[in-house]
Amino acid sequence: PRDGFWWAHQGWIFDGRFDATEHERVRDLGAFPELVWLDRWHPVVPLALAIGCFAWGGLSGLVWGFCVSTTLLWHATYSINSLAHRFGTQRYETGDDSRNNLWLALLTLGEGWHNNHHHYMASCRQGFFWWEVDVTYYVLRGLSAVGLVWDLREPPARLLAPADTDPEARLAA
């Protein structure tokens, strides 16, 4: 958002600098052939969804099932870049302006706990505490329980120490 609201919200997506995947920054991506395939052929899934919506419901199925729902999803997702760096609270000093925002967390099924994410990015859990609703995390835990996903990373216990604990002591623990 330091480059402006619209840049943070959606402008960056049209910048060609971000088109290619920097594989050296996401080495684990190459370990999964299905992810490599999706990275290369990313238009296939939305195109298949659009075709399926049209086949199921005709033009209105395409418009509501694909166009409107996809646009709403995009803007909810983009709001994390534009709004979760402007509005909310900062539990952790992360060197940026990321914030935790309950309303964005509810809208995006957990992504609104953005300061938590910037503090410990490896976690599949964005809502670090029981009162931080994180629907995506609950779904991942359910999928893990039935063996469809595994090796879920959660924030270490030292990060979940009471807020009145010295932050330096928590990180050193």
C-alpha atoms as a PDB file:
ATOM      1  CA  PRO A   1       0.000   0.000   0.000  1.00  0.00           C
ATOM      2  CA  ARG A   2       2.996   2.328   0.207  1.00  0.00           C
ATOM      3  CA  ASP A   3       2.715   2.610  -3.589  1.00  0.00           C
ATOM      4  CA  GLY A   4      -0.980   3.493  -3.343  1.00  0.00           C
ATOM      5  CA  PHE A   5      -4.247   1.738  -2.634  1.00  0.00           C
ATOM      6  CA  TRP A   6      -5.004   0.642  -6.201  1.00  0.00           C
ATOM      7  CA  TRP A   7      -1.485  -0.681  -6.742  1.00  0.00           C
ATOM      8  CA  ALA A   8      -1.741  -2.745  -3.565  1.00  0.00           C
ATOM      9  CA  HIS A   9      -5.282  -3.866  -4.295  1.00  0.00           C
ATOM     10  CA  GLN A  10      -4.943  -4.939  -7.896  1.00  0.00           C
ATOM     11  CA  GLY A  11      -2.358  -3.012  -9.920  1.00  0.00           C
ATOM     12  CA  TRP A  12       0.534  -5.329  -9.118  1.00  0.00           C
ATOM     13  CA  ILE A  13      -1.244  -8.235 -10.780  1.00  0.00           C
ATOM     14  CA  PHE A  14      -0.982  -6.524 -14.169  1.00  0.00           C
ATOM     15  CA  ASP A  15       2.749  -5.819 -13.787  1.00  0.00           C
ATOM     16  CA  GLY A  16       4.736  -8.210 -15.984  1.00  0.00           C
ATOM     17  CA  ARG A  17       7.547  -8.359 -13.408  1.00  0.00           C
ATOM     18  CA  PHE A  18       5.478 -10.863 -11.449  1.00  0.00           C
ATOM     19  CA  ASP A  19       4.481 -13.189 -14.297  1.00  0.00           C
ATOM     20  CA  ALA A  20       7.284 -15.751 -13.978  1.00  0.00           C
ATOM     21  CA  THR A  21       7.561 -17.977 -10.914  1.00  0.00           C
ATOM     22  CA  GLU A  22      10.885 -17.536  -9.141  1.00  0.00           C
ATOM     23  CA  HIS A  23      11.523 -21.232  -8.528  1.00  0.00           C
ATOM     24  CA  GLU A  24      14.625 -20.573  -6.424  1.00  0.00           C
ATOM     25  CA  ARG A  25      12.367 -18.804  -3.891  1.00  0.00           C
ATOM     26  CA  VAL A  26       9.890 -21.711  -3.707  1.00  0.00           C
ATOM     27  CA  ARG A  27      12.081 -24.780  -4.062  1.00  0.00           C
ATOM     28  CA  ASP A  28       9.519 -27.112  -2.512  1.00  0.00           C
ATOM     29  CA  LEU A  29       7.128 -26.312  -5.387  1.00  0.00           C
ATOM     30  CA  GLY A  30       9.255 -28.427  -7.758  1.00  0.00           C
ATOM     31  CA  ALA A  31       8.891 -31.486  -5.519  1.00  0.00           C
ATOM     32  CA  PHE A  32       5.219 -31.824  -6.446  1.00  0.00           C
ATOM     33  CA  PRO A  33       4.512 -32.491 -10.133  1.00  0.00           C
ATOM     34  CA  GLU A  34       0.875 -31.452  -9.782  1.00  0.00           C
ATOM     35  CA  LEU A  35       1.938 -28.019  -8.481  1.00  0.00           C
ATOM     36  CA  VAL A  36       4.482 -27.618 -11.278  1.00  0.00           C
ATOM     37  CA  TRP A  37       1.722 -28.489 -13.761  1.00  0.00           C
ATOM     38  CA  LEU A  38      -0.718 -26.019 -12.165  1.00  0.00           C
ATOM     39  CA  ASP A  39       1.934 -23.298 -12.164  1.00  0.00           C
ATOM     40  CA  ARG A  40       2.575 -23.791 -15.865  1.00  0.00           C
ATOM     41  CA  TRP A  41      -1.022 -24.374 -16.967  1.00  0.00           C
ATOM     42  CA  HIS A  42      -2.847 -22.122 -14.479  1.00  0.00           C
ATOM     43  CA  PRO A  43      -5.548 -21.018 -16.980  1.00  0.00           C
ATOM     44  CA  VAL A  44      -6.842 -24.600 -17.344  1.00  0.00           C
ATOM     45  CA  VAL A  45      -8.667 -24.806 -14.004  1.00  0.00           C
ATOM     46  CA  PRO A  46     -10.610 -21.527 -14.272  1.00  0.00           C
ATOM     47  CA  LEU A  47     -11.406 -22.269 -17.902  1.00  0.00           C
ATOM     48  CA  ALA A  48     -12.751 -25.690 -16.913  1.00  0.00           C
ATOM     49  CA  LEU A  49     -14.823 -24.060 -14.168  1.00  0.00           C
ATOM     50  CA  ALA A  50     -16.236 -21.513 -16.630  1.00  0.00           C
ATOM     51  CA  ILE A  51     -17.127 -24.260 -19.109  1.00  0.00           C
ATOM     52  CA  GLY A  52     -18.704 -26.332 -16.331  1.00  0.00           C
ATOM     53  CA  CYS A  53     -20.764 -23.378 -15.084  1.00  0.00           C
ATOM     54  CA  PHE A  54     -21.979 -22.694 -18.618  1.00  0.00           C
ATOM     55  CA  ALA A  55     -22.777 -26.382 -19.211  1.00  0.00           C
ATOM     56  CA  TRP A  56     -24.698 -26.574 -15.929  1.00  0.00           C
ATOM     57  CA  GLY A  57     -26.595 -23.284 -16.026  1.00  0.00           C
ATOM     58  CA  GLY A  58     -26.216 -21.694 -19.444  1.00  0.00           C
ATOM     59  CA  LEU A  59     -25.370 -18.003 -19.662  1.00  0.00           C
ATOM     60  CA  SER A  60     -26.701 -17.219 -16.166  1.00  0.00           C
ATOM     61  CA  GLY A  61     -24.609 -20.107 -14.780  1.00  0.00           C
ATOM     62  CA  LEU A  62     -21.530 -18.636 -16.437  1.00  0.00           C
ATOM     63  CA  VAL A  63     -22.256 -15.106 -15.229  1.00  0.00           C
ATOM     64  CA  TRP A  64     -23.154 -15.959 -11.610  1.00  0.00           C
ATOM     65  CA  GLY A  65     -21.278 -19.216 -11.137  1.00  0.00           C
ATOM     66  CA  PHE A  66     -18.046 -18.003 -12.664  1.00  0.00           C
ATOM     67  CA  CYS A  67     -17.821 -14.272 -13.474  1.00  0.00           C
ATOM     68  CA  VAL A  68     -19.489 -12.729 -10.422  1.00  0.00           C
ATOM     69  CA  SER A  69     -18.191 -15.265  -7.897  1.00  0.00           C
ATOM     70  CA  THR A  70     -14.634 -15.075  -9.272  1.00  0.00           C
ATOM     71  CA  THR A  71     -14.657 -11.268  -9.209  1.00  0.00           C
ATOM     72  CA  LEU A  72     -15.871 -11.236  -5.592  1.00  0.00           C
ATOM     73  CA  LEU A  73     -13.241 -13.818  -4.631  1.00  0.00           C
ATOM     74  CA  TRP A  74     -10.492 -11.801  -6.316  1.00  0.00           C
ATOM     75  CA  HIS A  75     -11.462  -8.597  -4.525  1.00  0.00           C
ATOM     76  CA  ALA A  76     -11.700 -10.332  -1.156  1.00  0.00           C
ATOM     77  CA  THR A  77      -8.215 -11.737  -1.739  1.00  0.00           C
ATOM     78  CA  TYR A  78      -6.845  -8.410  -3.004  1.00  0.00           C
ATOM     79  CA  SER A  79      -8.235  -6.681   0.084  1.00  0.00           C
ATOM     80  CA  ILE A  80      -5.560  -8.405   2.139  1.00  0.00           C
ATOM     81  CA  ASN A  81      -2.845  -6.542   0.227  1.00  0.00           C
ATOM     82  CA  SER A  82      -4.645  -3.207   0.257  1.00  0.00           C
ATOM     83  CA  LEU A  83      -6.664  -3.138   3.499  1.00  0.00           C
ATOM     84  CA  ALA A  84      -4.822  -5.507   5.876  1.00  0.00           C
ATOM     85  CA  HIS A  85      -1.803  -3.237   5.631  1.00  0.00           C
ATOM     86  CA  ARG A  86      -3.857  -0.174   6.590  1.00  0.00           C
ATOM     87  CA  PHE A  87      -6.571  -1.158   9.077  1.00  0.00           C
ATOM     88  CA  GLY A  88      -6.318  -3.310  12.184  1.00  0.00           C
ATOM     89  CA  THR A  89      -3.881  -4.054  14.974  1.00  0.00           C
ATOM     90  CA  GLN A  90      -0.255  -5.120  15.072  1.00  0.00           C
ATOM     91  CA  ARG A  91       0.511  -7.775  17.661  1.00  0.00           C
ATOM     92  CA  TYR A  92       4.011  -8.375  16.312  1.00  0.00           C
ATOM     93  CA  GLU A  93       6.676  -5.972  15.135  1.00  0.00           C
ATOM     94  CA  THR A  94       7.359  -7.309  11.650  1.00  0.00           C
ATOM     95  CA  GLY A  95       9.156  -4.399  10.026  1.00  0.00           C
ATOM     96  CA  ASP A  96       6.194  -3.727   7.735  1.00  0.00           C
ATOM     97  CA  ASP A  97       2.697  -2.373   8.154  1.00  0.00           C
ATOM     98  CA  SER A  98       0.763  -5.676   8.182  1.00  0.00           C
ATOM     99  CA  ARG A  99      -2.241  -5.749  10.485  1.00  0.00           C
ATOM    100  CA  ASN A 100      -4.689  -8.227  11.984  1.00  0.00           C
ATOM    101  CA  ASN A 101      -8.293  -7.413  11.086  1.00  0.00           C
ATOM    102  CA  LEU A 102     -11.276  -9.446  12.290  1.00  0.00           C
ATOM    103  CA  TRP A 103     -13.615  -8.286   9.497  1.00  0.00           C
ATOM    104  CA  LEU A 104     -11.132  -9.177   6.770  1.00  0.00           C
ATOM    105  CA  ALA A 105     -10.438 -12.501   8.503  1.00  0.00           C
ATOM    106  CA  LEU A 106     -14.152 -13.341   8.404  1.00  0.00           C
ATOM    107  CA  LEU A 107     -14.459 -12.229   4.764  1.00  0.00           C
ATOM    108  CA  THR A 108     -11.395 -14.199   3.626  1.00  0.00           C
ATOM    109  CA  LEU A 109     -11.822 -17.235   5.906  1.00  0.00           C
ATOM    110  CA  GLY A 110      -8.748 -16.420   8.011  1.00  0.00           C
ATOM    111  CA  GLU A 111      -6.367 -14.436   5.811  1.00  0.00           C
ATOM    112  CA  GLY A 112      -7.187 -11.224   7.679  1.00  0.00           C
ATOM    113  CA  TRP A 113      -4.862 -12.265  10.506  1.00  0.00           C
ATOM    114  CA  HIS A 114      -2.188 -10.784   8.305  1.00  0.00           C
ATOM    115  CA  ASN A 115       0.231  -9.538  10.972  1.00  0.00           C
ATOM    116  CA  ASN A 116       0.311 -13.065  12.385  1.00  0.00           C
ATOM    117  CA  HIS A 117       1.131 -14.354   8.892  1.00  0.00           C
ATOM    118  CA  HIS A 118       3.950 -11.835   8.419  1.00  0.00           C
ATOM    119  CA  HIS A 119       5.348 -12.787  11.824  1.00  0.00           C
ATOM    120  CA  TYR A 120       5.442 -16.533  11.141  1.00  0.00           C
ATOM    121  CA  MET A 121       4.866 -17.184   7.432  1.00  0.00           C
ATOM    122  CA  ALA A 122       5.464 -20.935   7.562  1.00  0.00           C
ATOM    123  CA  SER A 123       2.249 -21.560   9.490  1.00  0.00           C
ATOM    124  CA  CYS A 124      -0.876 -22.920   7.815  1.00  0.00           C
ATOM    125  CA  ARG A 125      -2.716 -21.299  10.696  1.00  0.00           C
ATOM    126  CA  GLN A 126      -3.275 -17.548  10.364  1.00  0.00           C
ATOM    127  CA  GLY A 127      -5.397 -17.156  13.502  1.00  0.00           C
ATOM    128  CA  PHE A 128      -2.895 -17.994  16.209  1.00  0.00           C
ATOM    129  CA  PHE A 129      -5.349 -17.893  19.128  1.00  0.00           C
ATOM    130  CA  TRP A 130      -8.731 -19.574  19.701  1.00  0.00           C
ATOM    131  CA  TRP A 131     -10.623 -16.291  19.315  1.00  0.00           C
ATOM    132  CA  GLU A 132      -9.055 -15.594  15.916  1.00  0.00           C
ATOM    133  CA  VAL A 133     -11.501 -17.325  13.552  1.00  0.00           C
ATOM    134  CA  ASP A 134      -9.590 -19.105  10.777  1.00  0.00           C
ATOM    135  CA  VAL A 135     -11.950 -21.213   8.665  1.00  0.00           C
ATOM    136  CA  THR A 136      -9.213 -22.208   6.204  1.00  0.00           C
ATOM    137  CA  TYR A 137      -7.188 -23.681   9.060  1.00  0.00           C
ATOM    138  CA  TYR A 138     -10.218 -25.637  10.322  1.00  0.00           C
ATOM    139  CA  VAL A 139     -10.742 -27.095   6.835  1.00  0.00           C
ATOM    140  CA  LEU A 140      -7.047 -28.033   6.581  1.00  0.00           C
ATOM    141  CA  ARG A 141      -7.219 -29.748   9.991  1.00  0.00           C
ATOM    142  CA  GLY A 142     -10.251 -31.705   8.803  1.00  0.00           C
ATOM    143  CA  LEU A 143      -8.467 -32.745   5.609  1.00  0.00           C
ATOM    144  CA  SER A 144      -5.471 -33.758   7.713  1.00  0.00           C
ATOM    145  CA  ALA A 145      -7.687 -35.852   9.995  1.00  0.00           C
ATOM    146  CA  VAL A 146      -8.834 -37.938   7.019  1.00  0.00           C
ATOM    147  CA  GLY A 147      -5.337 -38.172   5.510  1.00  0.00           C
ATOM    148  CA  LEU A 148      -5.800 -35.901   2.495  1.00  0.00           C
ATOM    149  CA  VAL A 149      -3.159 -33.380   3.636  1.00  0.00           C
ATOM    150  CA  TRP A 150      -0.256 -33.806   6.026  1.00  0.00           C
ATOM    151  CA  ASP A 151       2.704 -32.067   7.621  1.00  0.00           C
ATOM    152  CA  LEU A 152       0.704 -28.988   8.562  1.00  0.00           C
ATOM    153  CA  ARG A 153       2.974 -26.370  10.095  1.00  0.00           C
ATOM    154  CA  GLU A 154       1.666 -24.414  13.035  1.00  0.00           C
ATOM    155  CA  PRO A 155       3.225 -21.549  14.973  1.00  0.00           C
ATOM    156  CA  PRO A 156       5.612 -22.745  17.680  1.00  0.00           C
ATOM    157  CA  ALA A 157       4.381 -22.511  21.269  1.00  0.00           C
ATOM    158  CA  ARG A 158       6.913 -19.761  22.031  1.00  0.00           C
ATOM    159  CA  LEU A 159       4.992 -17.442  19.694  1.00  0.00           C
ATOM    160  CA  LEU A 160       1.749 -18.123  21.499  1.00  0.00           C
ATOM    161  CA  ALA A 161       3.026 -16.968  24.909  1.00  0.00           C
ATOM    162  CA  PRO A 162       0.843 -14.394  26.679  1.00  0.00           C
ATOM    163  CA  ALA A 163       1.072 -10.917  25.154  1.00  0.00           C
ATOM    164  CA  ASP A 164       2.526  -9.424  28.343  1.00  0.00           C
ATOM    165  CA  THR A 165       5.602 -11.644  27.979  1.00  0.00           C
ATOM    166  CA  ASP A 166       8.712  -9.853  26.734  1.00  0.00           C
ATOM    167  CA  PRO A 167       8.752 -10.361  22.919  1.00  0.00           C
ATOM    168  CA  GLU A 168      12.538 -10.786  22.897  1.00  0.00           C
ATOM    169  CA  ALA A 169      12.261 -13.539  25.500  1.00  0.00           C
ATOM    170  CA  ARG A 170       9.590 -15.288  23.417  1.00  0.00           C
ATOM    171  CA  LEU A 171      11.754 -15.294  20.301  1.00  0.00           C
ATOM    172  CA  ALA A 172      14.802 -16.481  22.215  1.00  0.00           C
ATOM    173  CA  ALA A 173      12.912 -19.373  23.822  1.00  0.00           C
END
